[in-house]
Amino acid sequence: MLRLLALGHTAGDIAERLYLSPKSVETYRSRIMEKLGLDSRPALVRYALARGLLADSS
């Protein structure tokens, strides 16, 4: 889910792909960001890039 968020997918897109509700995706996003100490989506993208999660985004 972190990778999909960092790639710019919307909560609706991710929910459809992972068979979740968009609200669940938003909740998971909030919890991920809180646990990682991130305060914005750009910070989430930087985190994913730094850890190689977006290296092969095909």
PDB file of N, CA and C in Angstrom:
ATOM      1  N   MET A   1       0.819  -1.176   0.000  1.00  0.00           N
ATOM      2  CA  MET A   1       0.000   0.000   0.000  1.00  0.00           C
ATOM      3  C   MET A   1       0.870   1.249   0.000  1.00  0.00           C
ATOM      4  N   LEU A   2       1.961   1.221   0.742  1.00  0.00           N
ATOM      5  CA  LEU A   2       2.867   2.375   0.774  1.00  0.00           C
ATOM      6  C   LEU A   2       3.369   2.696  -0.625  1.00  0.00           C
ATOM      7  N   ARG A   3       3.736   1.684  -1.371  1.00  0.00           N
ATOM      8  CA  ARG A   3       4.235   1.885  -2.734  1.00  0.00           C
ATOM      9  C   ARG A   3       3.157   2.507  -3.629  1.00  0.00           C
ATOM     10  N   LEU A   4       1.947   1.999  -3.534  1.00  0.00           N
ATOM     11  CA  LEU A   4       0.848   2.532  -4.349  1.00  0.00           C
ATOM     12  C   LEU A   4       0.554   3.985  -3.993  1.00  0.00           C
ATOM     13  N   LEU A   5       0.577   4.301  -2.707  1.00  0.00           N
ATOM     14  CA  LEU A   5       0.374   5.684  -2.274  1.00  0.00           C
ATOM     15  C   LEU A   5       1.468   6.585  -2.829  1.00  0.00           C
ATOM     16  N   ALA A   6       2.707   6.119  -2.717  1.00  0.00           N
ATOM     17  CA  ALA A   6       3.844   6.921  -3.183  1.00  0.00           C
ATOM     18  C   ALA A   6       3.824   7.106  -4.699  1.00  0.00           C
ATOM     19  N   LEU A   7       3.251   6.152  -5.407  1.00  0.00           N
ATOM     20  CA  LEU A   7       3.156   6.264  -6.856  1.00  0.00           C
ATOM     21  C   LEU A   7       2.029   7.203  -7.289  1.00  0.00           C
ATOM     22  N   GLY A   8       1.251   7.689  -6.327  1.00  0.00           N
ATOM     23  CA  GLY A   8       0.228   8.674  -6.636  1.00  0.00           C
ATOM     24  C   GLY A   8      -1.167   8.127  -6.868  1.00  0.00           C
ATOM     25  N   HIS A   9      -1.376   6.863  -6.590  1.00  0.00           N
ATOM     26  CA  HIS A   9      -2.719   6.290  -6.746  1.00  0.00           C
ATOM     27  C   HIS A   9      -3.665   6.880  -5.706  1.00  0.00           C
ATOM     28  N   THR A  10      -4.899   7.060  -6.083  1.00  0.00           N
ATOM     29  CA  THR A  10      -5.901   7.587  -5.153  1.00  0.00           C
ATOM     30  C   THR A  10      -6.380   6.470  -4.222  1.00  0.00           C
ATOM     31  N   ALA A  11      -7.042   6.891  -3.152  1.00  0.00           N
ATOM     32  CA  ALA A  11      -7.601   5.910  -2.213  1.00  0.00           C
ATOM     33  C   ALA A  11      -8.584   4.996  -2.931  1.00  0.00           C
ATOM     34  N   GLY A  12      -9.358   5.559  -3.836  1.00  0.00           N
ATOM     35  CA  GLY A  12     -10.314   4.753  -4.602  1.00  0.00           C
ATOM     36  C   GLY A  12      -9.635   3.713  -5.475  1.00  0.00           C
ATOM     37  N   ASP A  13      -8.543   4.123  -6.144  1.00  0.00           N
ATOM     38  CA  ASP A  13      -7.793   3.186  -6.992  1.00  0.00           C
ATOM     39  C   ASP A  13      -7.210   2.047  -6.159  1.00  0.00           C
ATOM     40  N   ILE A  14      -6.607   2.415  -5.047  1.00  0.00           N
ATOM     41  CA  ILE A  14      -5.966   1.418  -4.186  1.00  0.00           C
ATOM     42  C   ILE A  14      -7.022   0.487  -3.592  1.00  0.00           C
ATOM     43  N   ALA A  15      -8.138   1.053  -3.165  1.00  0.00           N
ATOM     44  CA  ALA A  15      -9.216   0.256  -2.586  1.00  0.00           C
ATOM     45  C   ALA A  15      -9.711  -0.790  -3.577  1.00  0.00           C
ATOM     46  N   GLU A  16      -9.902  -0.367  -4.809  1.00  0.00           N
ATOM     47  CA  GLU A  16     -10.362  -1.283  -5.849  1.00  0.00           C
ATOM     48  C   GLU A  16      -9.341  -2.405  -6.083  1.00  0.00           C
ATOM     49  N   ARG A  17      -8.085  -2.016  -6.153  1.00  0.00           N
ATOM     50  CA  ARG A  17      -7.008  -2.970  -6.431  1.00  0.00           C
ATOM     51  C   ARG A  17      -6.830  -3.986  -5.305  1.00  0.00           C
ATOM     52  N   LEU A  18      -6.990  -3.523  -4.044  1.00  0.00           N
ATOM     53  CA  LEU A  18      -6.736  -4.389  -2.884  1.00  0.00           C
ATOM     54  C   LEU A  18      -8.020  -4.911  -2.235  1.00  0.00           C
ATOM     55  N   TYR A  19      -9.163  -4.657  -2.873  1.00  0.00           N
ATOM     56  CA  TYR A  19     -10.455  -5.123  -2.359  1.00  0.00           C
ATOM     57  C   TYR A  19     -10.723  -4.610  -0.948  1.00  0.00           C
ATOM     58  N   LEU A  20     -10.528  -3.306  -0.776  1.00  0.00           N
ATOM     59  CA  LEU A  20     -10.799  -2.623   0.485  1.00  0.00           C
ATOM     60  C   LEU A  20     -11.746  -1.469   0.210  1.00  0.00           C
ATOM     61  N   SER A  21     -12.220  -0.840   1.269  1.00  0.00           N
ATOM     62  CA  SER A  21     -12.999   0.378   1.078  1.00  0.00           C
ATOM     63  C   SER A  21     -12.034   1.561   1.018  1.00  0.00           C
ATOM     64  N   PRO A  22     -12.409   2.633   0.337  1.00  0.00           N
ATOM     65  CA  PRO A  22     -11.551   3.823   0.305  1.00  0.00           C
ATOM     66  C   PRO A  22     -11.270   4.363   1.710  1.00  0.00           C
ATOM     67  N   LYS A  23     -12.242   4.251   2.609  1.00  0.00           N
ATOM     68  CA  LYS A  23     -12.055   4.704   3.995  1.00  0.00           C
ATOM     69  C   LYS A  23     -10.957   3.894   4.687  1.00  0.00           C
ATOM     70  N   SER A  24     -10.919   2.587   4.432  1.00  0.00           N
ATOM     71  CA  SER A  24      -9.867   1.744   5.008  1.00  0.00           C
ATOM     72  C   SER A  24      -8.502   2.168   4.496  1.00  0.00           C
ATOM     73  N   VAL A  25      -8.417   2.473   3.212  1.00  0.00           N
ATOM     74  CA  VAL A  25      -7.152   2.912   2.628  1.00  0.00           C
ATOM     75  C   VAL A  25      -6.696   4.210   3.301  1.00  0.00           C
ATOM     76  N   GLU A  26      -7.620   5.146   3.494  1.00  0.00           N
ATOM     77  CA  GLU A  26      -7.273   6.408   4.153  1.00  0.00           C
ATOM     78  C   GLU A  26      -6.804   6.165   5.592  1.00  0.00           C
ATOM     79  N   THR A  27      -7.466   5.253   6.282  1.00  0.00           N
ATOM     80  CA  THR A  27      -7.062   4.921   7.648  1.00  0.00           C
ATOM     81  C   THR A  27      -5.660   4.322   7.660  1.00  0.00           C
ATOM     82  N   TYR A  28      -5.394   3.378   6.767  1.00  0.00           N
ATOM     83  CA  TYR A  28      -4.064   2.766   6.692  1.00  0.00           C
ATOM     84  C   TYR A  28      -3.002   3.796   6.336  1.00  0.00           C
ATOM     85  N   ARG A  29      -3.341   4.716   5.412  1.00  0.00           N
ATOM     86  CA  ARG A  29      -2.397   5.768   5.039  1.00  0.00           C
ATOM     87  C   ARG A  29      -2.042   6.621   6.253  1.00  0.00           C
ATOM     88  N   SER A  30      -3.048   7.004   7.006  1.00  0.00           N
ATOM     89  CA  SER A  30      -2.820   7.815   8.204  1.00  0.00           C
ATOM     90  C   SER A  30      -1.937   7.093   9.204  1.00  0.00           C
ATOM     91  N   ARG A  31      -2.214   5.831   9.417  1.00  0.00           N
ATOM     92  CA  ARG A  31      -1.437   5.049  10.388  1.00  0.00           C
ATOM     93  C   ARG A  31       0.002   4.845   9.927  1.00  0.00           C
ATOM     94  N   ILE A  32       0.181   4.591   8.642  1.00  0.00           N
ATOM     95  CA  ILE A  32       1.537   4.440   8.097  1.00  0.00           C
ATOM     96  C   ILE A  32       2.316   5.729   8.305  1.00  0.00           C
ATOM     97  N   MET A  33       1.710   6.848   7.943  1.00  0.00           N
ATOM     98  CA  MET A  33       2.394   8.130   8.056  1.00  0.00           C
ATOM     99  C   MET A  33       2.708   8.459   9.515  1.00  0.00           C
ATOM    100  N   GLU A  34       1.782   8.153  10.409  1.00  0.00           N
ATOM    101  CA  GLU A  34       2.005   8.406  11.832  1.00  0.00           C
ATOM    102  C   GLU A  34       3.159   7.563  12.361  1.00  0.00           C
ATOM    103  N   LYS A  35       3.149   6.280  12.036  1.00  0.00           N
ATOM    104  CA  LYS A  35       4.195   5.377  12.528  1.00  0.00           C
ATOM    105  C   LYS A  35       5.570   5.727  11.975  1.00  0.00           C
ATOM    106  N   LEU A  36       5.608   6.253  10.751  1.00  0.00           N
ATOM    107  CA  LEU A  36       6.890   6.609  10.139  1.00  0.00           C
ATOM    108  C   LEU A  36       7.298   8.049  10.458  1.00  0.00           C
ATOM    109  N   GLY A  37       6.427   8.784  11.133  1.00  0.00           N
ATOM    110  CA  GLY A  37       6.726  10.168  11.479  1.00  0.00           C
ATOM    111  C   GLY A  37       6.703  11.102  10.279  1.00  0.00           C
ATOM    112  N   LEU A  38       5.845  10.810   9.314  1.00  0.00           N
ATOM    113  CA  LEU A  38       5.744  11.623   8.106  1.00  0.00           C
ATOM    114  C   LEU A  38       4.533  12.542   8.212  1.00  0.00           C
ATOM    115  N   ASP A  39       4.650  13.752   7.656  1.00  0.00           N
ATOM    116  CA  ASP A  39       3.564  14.709   7.806  1.00  0.00           C
ATOM    117  C   ASP A  39       2.903  15.134   6.494  1.00  0.00           C
ATOM    118  N   SER A  40       3.341  14.562   5.379  1.00  0.00           N
ATOM    119  CA  SER A  40       2.750  14.934   4.092  1.00  0.00           C
ATOM    120  C   SER A  40       2.973  13.827   3.074  1.00  0.00           C
ATOM    121  N   ARG A  41       2.213  13.911   1.992  1.00  0.00           N
ATOM    122  CA  ARG A  41       2.376  12.918   0.922  1.00  0.00           C
ATOM    123  C   ARG A  41       3.756  13.025   0.263  1.00  0.00           C
ATOM    124  N   PRO A  42       4.276  14.240   0.029  1.00  0.00           N
ATOM    125  CA  PRO A  42       5.639  14.321  -0.520  1.00  0.00           C
ATOM    126  C   PRO A  42       6.678  13.656   0.393  1.00  0.00           C
ATOM    127  N   ALA A  43       6.488  13.760   1.688  1.00  0.00           N
ATOM    128  CA  ALA A  43       7.403  13.101   2.630  1.00  0.00           C
ATOM    129  C   ALA A  43       7.290  11.580   2.479  1.00  0.00           C
ATOM    130  N   LEU A  44       6.088  11.103   2.240  1.00  0.00           N
ATOM    131  CA  LEU A  44       5.858   9.679   2.022  1.00  0.00           C
ATOM    132  C   LEU A  44       6.586   9.217   0.757  1.00  0.00           C
ATOM    133  N   VAL A  45       6.518  10.012  -0.295  1.00  0.00           N
ATOM    134  CA  VAL A  45       7.203   9.687  -1.558  1.00  0.00           C
ATOM    135  C   VAL A  45       8.710   9.671  -1.343  1.00  0.00           C
ATOM    136  N   ARG A  46       9.239  10.666  -0.637  1.00  0.00           N
ATOM    137  CA  ARG A  46      10.682  10.697  -0.359  1.00  0.00           C
ATOM    138  C   ARG A  46      11.113   9.465   0.434  1.00  0.00           C
ATOM    139  N   TYR A  47      10.307   9.072   1.408  1.00  0.00           N
ATOM    140  CA  TYR A  47      10.590   7.885   2.214  1.00  0.00           C
ATOM    141  C   TYR A  47      10.660   6.644   1.317  1.00  0.00           C
ATOM    142  N   ALA A  48       9.667   6.487   0.453  1.00  0.00           N
ATOM    143  CA  ALA A  48       9.620   5.330  -0.446  1.00  0.00           C
ATOM    144  C   ALA A  48      10.811   5.332  -1.408  1.00  0.00           C
ATOM    145  N   LEU A  49      11.158   6.485  -1.936  1.00  0.00           N
ATOM    146  CA  LEU A  49      12.314   6.586  -2.840  1.00  0.00           C
ATOM    147  C   LEU A  49      13.605   6.211  -2.133  1.00  0.00           C
ATOM    148  N   ALA A  50      13.782   6.715  -0.927  1.00  0.00           N
ATOM    149  CA  ALA A  50      14.993   6.456  -0.163  1.00  0.00           C
ATOM    150  C   ALA A  50      15.177   4.982   0.159  1.00  0.00           C
ATOM    151  N   ARG A  51      14.077   4.262   0.241  1.00  0.00           N
ATOM    152  CA  ARG A  51      14.139   2.838   0.570  1.00  0.00           C
ATOM    153  C   ARG A  51      14.008   1.927  -0.633  1.00  0.00           C
ATOM    154  N   GLY A  52      14.041   2.517  -1.830  1.00  0.00           N
ATOM    155  CA  GLY A  52      14.023   1.726  -3.053  1.00  0.00           C
ATOM    156  C   GLY A  52      12.680   1.117  -3.406  1.00  0.00           C
ATOM    157  N   LEU A  53      11.609   1.609  -2.809  1.00  0.00           N
ATOM    158  CA  LEU A  53      10.291   1.033  -3.087  1.00  0.00           C
ATOM    159  C   LEU A  53       9.746   1.438  -4.456  1.00  0.00           C
ATOM    160  N   LEU A  54      10.342   2.458  -5.052  1.00  0.00           N
ATOM    161  CA  LEU A  54       9.864   2.922  -6.347  1.00  0.00           C
ATOM    162  C   LEU A  54      10.872   2.670  -7.465  1.00  0.00           C
ATOM    163  N   ALA A  55      11.883   1.877  -7.181  1.00  0.00           N
ATOM    164  CA  ALA A  55      12.965   1.639  -8.148  1.00  0.00           C
ATOM    165  C   ALA A  55      12.448   1.095  -9.476  1.00  0.00           C
ATOM    166  N   ASP A  56      11.552   0.117  -9.431  1.00  0.00           N
ATOM    167  CA  ASP A  56      10.995  -0.462 -10.642  1.00  0.00           C
ATOM    168  C   ASP A  56       9.490  -0.289 -10.592  1.00  0.00           C
ATOM    169  N   SER A  57       9.017   0.866 -11.021  1.00  0.00           N
ATOM    170  CA  SER A  57       7.598   1.173 -10.884  1.00  0.00           C
ATOM    171  C   SER A  57       6.748   0.725 -12.068  1.00  0.00           C
ATOM    172  N   SER A  58       7.235  -0.225 -12.850  1.00  0.00           N
ATOM    173  CA  SER A  58       6.441  -0.698 -13.986  1.00  0.00           C
ATOM    174  C   SER A  58       5.430  -1.735 -13.587  1.00  0.00           C
TER     175      SER A  58
END
